[in-house]
Amino acid sequence: MLHISRRFILRLGAVLPLAAGMARADAHATTHTVVIRGFAFVPQNVAIGLGDTVRFVNENAQPHTATADGGAFDTGALNSGETAAFAFPDAAVYSYSCAFHTDMKGRITVV
């Protein structure tokens, strides 16, 4: 017959929440970079995980934006060398473009 002591149960009760917290700590969010170069978003399409961040970096001499259709995010005008970042906590597809150069388009798919 298996005998489980009260002390063992108390120790187990103290360890399980710590183990669960460690598992959550190991699930780090990732930062993905989209570069604005040559009047294009590079890469144009990005697939990311829940809670990940996308960082937009303008490498052009001209200002650009990354403005989501429907307003979910907007970098505002990014001058050369400037960056902006957004975290994506919900699964969805976000299409975006540059407000100044509407032929510049991109898409972020959060899974």
N, C-alpha and C. Protein backbone atom coordinates (compact mmCIF):
# COMPACT_ATOMS: atom_id res chain seq x y z
N MET A 1 0.84 -1.17 0.00
CA MET A 1 0.00 0.00 0.00
C MET A 1 0.89 1.25 0.00
N LEU A 2 0.52 2.21 -0.82
CA LEU A 2 1.27 3.45 -0.93
C LEU A 2 0.90 4.37 0.23
N HIS A 3 1.92 4.86 0.92
CA HIS A 3 1.67 5.76 2.03
C HIS A 3 2.22 7.13 1.65
N ILE A 4 1.34 8.10 1.58
CA ILE A 4 1.74 9.47 1.26
C ILE A 4 1.60 10.30 2.52
N SER A 5 2.70 10.85 2.95
CA SER A 5 2.67 11.63 4.18
C SER A 5 2.13 13.03 3.92
N ARG A 6 1.68 13.62 4.99
CA ARG A 6 1.19 14.99 4.91
C ARG A 6 2.33 15.93 4.52
N ARG A 7 3.52 15.66 5.01
CA ARG A 7 4.69 16.48 4.69
C ARG A 7 4.96 16.44 3.18
N PHE A 8 4.85 15.26 2.55
CA PHE A 8 5.05 15.13 1.11
C PHE A 8 4.03 15.97 0.35
N ILE A 9 2.79 15.92 0.74
CA ILE A 9 1.74 16.69 0.06
C ILE A 9 1.99 18.19 0.21
N LEU A 10 2.43 18.61 1.39
CA LEU A 10 2.72 20.03 1.59
C LEU A 10 3.89 20.47 0.71
N ARG A 11 4.92 19.63 0.61
CA ARG A 11 6.06 19.96 -0.25
C ARG A 11 5.63 20.03 -1.71
N LEU A 12 4.82 19.07 -2.13
CA LEU A 12 4.33 19.06 -3.49
C LEU A 12 3.50 20.31 -3.78
N GLY A 13 2.68 20.70 -2.83
CA GLY A 13 1.87 21.91 -2.98
C GLY A 13 2.71 23.16 -3.11
N ALA A 14 3.88 23.17 -2.48
CA ALA A 14 4.76 24.33 -2.57
C ALA A 14 5.55 24.34 -3.87
N VAL A 15 5.85 23.18 -4.43
CA VAL A 15 6.68 23.08 -5.62
C VAL A 15 5.88 23.27 -6.91
N LEU A 16 4.68 22.77 -6.96
CA LEU A 16 3.90 22.84 -8.20
C LEU A 16 3.69 24.26 -8.71
N PRO A 17 3.31 25.23 -7.87
CA PRO A 17 3.17 26.59 -8.40
C PRO A 17 4.49 27.15 -8.93
N LEU A 18 5.61 26.80 -8.28
CA LEU A 18 6.91 27.26 -8.77
C LEU A 18 7.20 26.67 -10.14
N ALA A 19 6.92 25.40 -10.32
CA ALA A 19 7.16 24.75 -11.60
C ALA A 19 6.28 25.37 -12.68
N ALA A 20 5.04 25.67 -12.36
CA ALA A 20 4.15 26.30 -13.33
C ALA A 20 4.65 27.68 -13.71
N GLY A 21 5.15 28.43 -12.74
CA GLY A 21 5.70 29.75 -13.01
C GLY A 21 6.93 29.68 -13.88
N MET A 22 7.76 28.68 -13.66
CA MET A 22 8.96 28.50 -14.47
C MET A 22 8.57 28.17 -15.91
N ALA A 23 7.55 27.37 -16.12
CA ALA A 23 7.10 27.04 -17.47
C ALA A 23 6.64 28.30 -18.19
N ARG A 24 5.92 29.17 -17.48
CA ARG A 24 5.48 30.42 -18.10
C ARG A 24 6.67 31.32 -18.41
N ALA A 25 7.66 31.35 -17.54
CA ALA A 25 8.83 32.20 -17.75
C ALA A 25 9.62 31.74 -18.96
N ASP A 26 9.59 30.45 -19.28
CA ASP A 26 10.33 29.93 -20.43
C ASP A 26 9.65 30.29 -21.75
N ALA A 27 8.40 30.64 -21.72
CA ALA A 27 7.66 30.99 -22.93
C ALA A 27 7.85 32.47 -23.22
N HIS A 28 9.05 32.84 -23.64
CA HIS A 28 9.38 34.25 -23.89
C HIS A 28 8.79 34.72 -25.20
N ALA A 29 8.32 35.93 -25.20
CA ALA A 29 7.85 36.56 -26.43
C ALA A 29 9.07 36.91 -27.28
N THR A 30 8.87 36.93 -28.58
CA THR A 30 9.94 37.20 -29.53
C THR A 30 9.70 38.55 -30.18
N THR A 31 10.78 39.25 -30.50
CA THR A 31 10.68 40.50 -31.26
C THR A 31 11.09 40.21 -32.70
N HIS A 32 10.22 40.57 -33.62
CA HIS A 32 10.46 40.42 -35.05
C HIS A 32 10.70 41.81 -35.63
N THR A 33 11.59 41.91 -36.59
CA THR A 33 11.91 43.21 -37.17
C THR A 33 11.42 43.28 -38.61
N VAL A 34 10.72 44.37 -38.92
CA VAL A 34 10.33 44.70 -40.28
C VAL A 34 11.08 45.97 -40.64
N VAL A 35 11.90 45.89 -41.68
CA VAL A 35 12.70 47.03 -42.11
C VAL A 35 11.99 47.72 -43.26
N ILE A 36 11.98 49.04 -43.22
CA ILE A 36 11.44 49.83 -44.32
C ILE A 36 12.64 50.22 -45.17
N ARG A 37 12.69 49.62 -46.36
CA ARG A 37 13.87 49.78 -47.23
C ARG A 37 13.39 49.77 -48.68
N GLY A 38 13.89 50.71 -49.48
CA GLY A 38 13.54 50.72 -50.89
C GLY A 38 12.05 50.87 -51.13
N PHE A 39 11.39 51.65 -50.31
CA PHE A 39 9.94 51.88 -50.40
C PHE A 39 9.17 50.56 -50.32
N ALA A 40 9.61 49.68 -49.40
CA ALA A 40 8.93 48.40 -49.16
C ALA A 40 9.13 47.99 -47.71
N PHE A 41 8.21 47.17 -47.21
CA PHE A 41 8.35 46.55 -45.90
C PHE A 41 9.05 45.20 -46.12
N VAL A 42 10.17 45.00 -45.42
CA VAL A 42 10.96 43.77 -45.60
C VAL A 42 11.12 43.08 -44.26
N PRO A 43 10.54 41.88 -44.08
CA PRO A 43 9.71 41.15 -45.04
C PRO A 43 8.31 41.76 -45.12
N GLN A 44 7.66 41.50 -46.24
CA GLN A 44 6.33 42.06 -46.46
C GLN A 44 5.28 41.36 -45.61
N ASN A 45 5.43 40.05 -45.42
CA ASN A 45 4.49 39.26 -44.63
C ASN A 45 5.24 38.59 -43.48
N VAL A 46 4.70 38.73 -42.27
CA VAL A 46 5.34 38.18 -41.08
C VAL A 46 4.31 37.33 -40.32
N ALA A 47 4.72 36.13 -39.92
CA ALA A 47 3.88 35.29 -39.05
C ALA A 47 4.55 35.27 -37.68
N ILE A 48 3.78 35.61 -36.64
CA ILE A 48 4.33 35.70 -35.29
C ILE A 48 3.43 34.96 -34.32
N GLY A 49 3.93 34.75 -33.11
CA GLY A 49 3.15 34.11 -32.07
C GLY A 49 2.44 35.12 -31.19
N LEU A 50 1.48 34.63 -30.42
CA LEU A 50 0.76 35.48 -29.47
C LEU A 50 1.74 36.13 -28.52
N GLY A 51 1.59 37.41 -28.29
CA GLY A 51 2.45 38.13 -27.37
C GLY A 51 3.76 38.61 -27.97
N ASP A 52 4.05 38.20 -29.21
CA ASP A 52 5.28 38.66 -29.86
C ASP A 52 5.16 40.14 -30.21
N THR A 53 6.32 40.75 -30.46
CA THR A 53 6.40 42.16 -30.81
C THR A 53 6.96 42.29 -32.22
N VAL A 54 6.45 43.26 -32.96
CA VAL A 54 7.02 43.61 -34.26
C VAL A 54 7.61 45.01 -34.13
N ARG A 55 8.88 45.11 -34.51
CA ARG A 55 9.60 46.39 -34.48
C ARG A 55 9.79 46.84 -35.92
N PHE A 56 9.35 48.06 -36.21
CA PHE A 56 9.50 48.65 -37.54
C PHE A 56 10.71 49.58 -37.50
N VAL A 57 11.60 49.46 -38.49
CA VAL A 57 12.81 50.28 -38.56
C VAL A 57 12.85 50.94 -39.94
N ASN A 58 12.90 52.27 -39.96
CA ASN A 58 12.98 52.98 -41.23
C ASN A 58 14.43 53.18 -41.64
N GLU A 59 14.83 52.52 -42.73
CA GLU A 59 16.18 52.67 -43.27
C GLU A 59 16.21 53.57 -44.49
N ASN A 60 15.06 54.12 -44.88
CA ASN A 60 15.00 55.05 -46.02
C ASN A 60 15.30 56.47 -45.55
N ALA A 61 15.64 57.33 -46.49
CA ALA A 61 15.86 58.75 -46.17
C ALA A 61 14.53 59.47 -45.96
N GLN A 62 13.45 58.96 -46.57
CA GLN A 62 12.14 59.58 -46.47
C GLN A 62 11.38 59.04 -45.26
N PRO A 63 10.47 59.85 -44.69
CA PRO A 63 9.63 59.35 -43.60
C PRO A 63 8.59 58.35 -44.12
N HIS A 64 8.23 57.40 -43.26
CA HIS A 64 7.22 56.39 -43.57
C HIS A 64 6.41 56.10 -42.32
N THR A 65 5.27 55.43 -42.51
CA THR A 65 4.49 54.93 -41.39
C THR A 65 4.21 53.45 -41.63
N ALA A 66 3.82 52.77 -40.59
CA ALA A 66 3.21 51.44 -40.70
C ALA A 66 1.86 51.63 -40.01
N THR A 67 0.82 51.73 -40.82
CA THR A 67 -0.52 52.07 -40.32
C THR A 67 -1.47 50.92 -40.64
N ALA A 68 -2.01 50.29 -39.60
CA ALA A 68 -2.90 49.15 -39.78
C ALA A 68 -4.23 49.58 -40.37
N ASP A 69 -4.73 48.77 -41.30
CA ASP A 69 -6.10 48.96 -41.79
C ASP A 69 -7.02 48.79 -40.58
N GLY A 70 -7.89 49.74 -40.34
CA GLY A 70 -8.79 49.65 -39.21
C GLY A 70 -8.22 50.25 -37.93
N GLY A 71 -6.97 50.70 -37.94
CA GLY A 71 -6.43 51.44 -36.81
C GLY A 71 -5.89 50.65 -35.63
N ALA A 72 -5.62 49.36 -35.78
CA ALA A 72 -5.12 48.56 -34.66
C ALA A 72 -3.75 49.06 -34.17
N PHE A 73 -2.95 49.60 -35.07
CA PHE A 73 -1.67 50.21 -34.68
C PHE A 73 -1.27 51.23 -35.73
N ASP A 74 -0.42 52.16 -35.33
CA ASP A 74 0.09 53.19 -36.23
C ASP A 74 1.40 53.70 -35.65
N THR A 75 2.47 53.58 -36.41
CA THR A 75 3.77 54.03 -35.92
C THR A 75 3.87 55.55 -35.90
N GLY A 76 2.99 56.23 -36.64
CA GLY A 76 3.20 57.65 -36.85
C GLY A 76 4.37 57.78 -37.82
N ALA A 77 4.75 58.99 -38.13
CA ALA A 77 5.85 59.21 -39.08
C ALA A 77 7.17 58.77 -38.46
N LEU A 78 7.84 57.85 -39.14
CA LEU A 78 9.18 57.41 -38.72
C LEU A 78 10.18 58.03 -39.68
N ASN A 79 11.05 58.87 -39.16
CA ASN A 79 12.12 59.42 -39.99
C ASN A 79 13.23 58.39 -40.11
N SER A 80 14.18 58.67 -40.97
CA SER A 80 15.29 57.75 -41.20
C SER A 80 15.97 57.38 -39.88
N GLY A 81 16.11 56.07 -39.64
CA GLY A 81 16.76 55.59 -38.42
C GLY A 81 15.84 55.41 -37.23
N GLU A 82 14.63 55.88 -37.31
CA GLU A 82 13.70 55.76 -36.19
C GLU A 82 12.99 54.40 -36.20
N THR A 83 12.53 53.99 -35.02
CA THR A 83 11.84 52.72 -34.86
C THR A 83 10.56 52.90 -34.05
N ALA A 84 9.68 51.92 -34.19
CA ALA A 84 8.47 51.83 -33.36
C ALA A 84 8.15 50.36 -33.22
N ALA A 85 7.60 49.98 -32.08
CA ALA A 85 7.30 48.56 -31.84
C ALA A 85 5.92 48.41 -31.23
N PHE A 86 5.29 47.28 -31.57
CA PHE A 86 3.96 46.95 -31.06
C PHE A 86 3.91 45.47 -30.69
N ALA A 87 3.27 45.17 -29.57
CA ALA A 87 3.02 43.78 -29.16
C ALA A 87 1.65 43.37 -29.65
N PHE A 88 1.51 42.09 -29.98
CA PHE A 88 0.26 41.57 -30.54
C PHE A 88 -0.25 40.44 -29.66
N PRO A 89 -1.19 40.75 -28.73
CA PRO A 89 -1.67 39.75 -27.78
C PRO A 89 -2.81 38.87 -28.30
N ASP A 90 -3.39 39.20 -29.47
CA ASP A 90 -4.55 38.45 -29.97
C ASP A 90 -4.26 37.85 -31.34
N ALA A 91 -4.75 36.64 -31.57
CA ALA A 91 -4.62 35.99 -32.87
C ALA A 91 -5.49 36.74 -33.87
N ALA A 92 -4.88 37.18 -34.96
CA ALA A 92 -5.58 37.92 -36.00
C ALA A 92 -4.62 38.15 -37.16
N VAL A 93 -5.16 38.67 -38.25
CA VAL A 93 -4.35 39.09 -39.39
C VAL A 93 -4.47 40.61 -39.49
N TYR A 94 -3.33 41.27 -39.51
CA TYR A 94 -3.28 42.74 -39.57
C TYR A 94 -2.65 43.15 -40.89
N SER A 95 -3.42 43.76 -41.76
CA SER A 95 -2.88 44.34 -42.98
C SER A 95 -2.54 45.79 -42.68
N TYR A 96 -1.46 46.27 -43.26
CA TYR A 96 -1.04 47.64 -43.00
C TYR A 96 -0.39 48.23 -44.24
N SER A 97 -0.22 49.55 -44.23
CA SER A 97 0.43 50.25 -45.34
C SER A 97 1.10 51.50 -44.79
N CYS A 98 1.82 52.17 -45.66
CA CYS A 98 2.42 53.46 -45.32
C CYS A 98 1.41 54.54 -45.67
N ALA A 99 1.13 55.42 -44.75
CA ALA A 99 0.16 56.50 -44.98
C ALA A 99 0.65 57.48 -46.05
N PHE A 100 1.96 57.59 -46.22
CA PHE A 100 2.52 58.51 -47.21
C PHE A 100 2.65 57.86 -48.59
N HIS A 101 2.87 56.56 -48.60
CA HIS A 101 3.12 55.81 -49.84
C HIS A 101 2.22 54.58 -49.83
N THR A 102 0.97 54.76 -50.24
CA THR A 102 -0.05 53.73 -50.04
C THR A 102 0.18 52.44 -50.82
N ASP A 103 1.13 52.46 -51.77
CA ASP A 103 1.46 51.22 -52.47
C ASP A 103 2.39 50.32 -51.63
N MET A 104 2.92 50.84 -50.55
CA MET A 104 3.73 50.04 -49.62
C MET A 104 2.76 49.31 -48.69
N LYS A 105 2.74 47.98 -48.77
CA LYS A 105 1.80 47.20 -47.99
C LYS A 105 2.50 46.03 -47.29
N GLY A 106 1.93 45.62 -46.18
CA GLY A 106 2.45 44.47 -45.44
C GLY A 106 1.35 43.79 -44.69
N ARG A 107 1.69 42.61 -44.10
CA ARG A 107 0.70 41.86 -43.33
C ARG A 107 1.41 41.14 -42.20
N ILE A 108 0.77 41.18 -41.03
CA ILE A 108 1.23 40.46 -39.84
C ILE A 108 0.16 39.46 -39.48
N THR A 109 0.54 38.18 -39.42
CA THR A 109 -0.39 37.12 -39.04
C THR A 109 0.02 36.62 -37.66
N VAL A 110 -0.87 36.78 -36.70
CA VAL A 110 -0.60 36.35 -35.32
C VAL A 110 -1.32 35.03 -35.09
N VAL A 111 -0.53 33.99 -34.77
CA VAL A 111 -1.11 32.66 -34.53
C VAL A 111 -0.86 32.19 -33.12
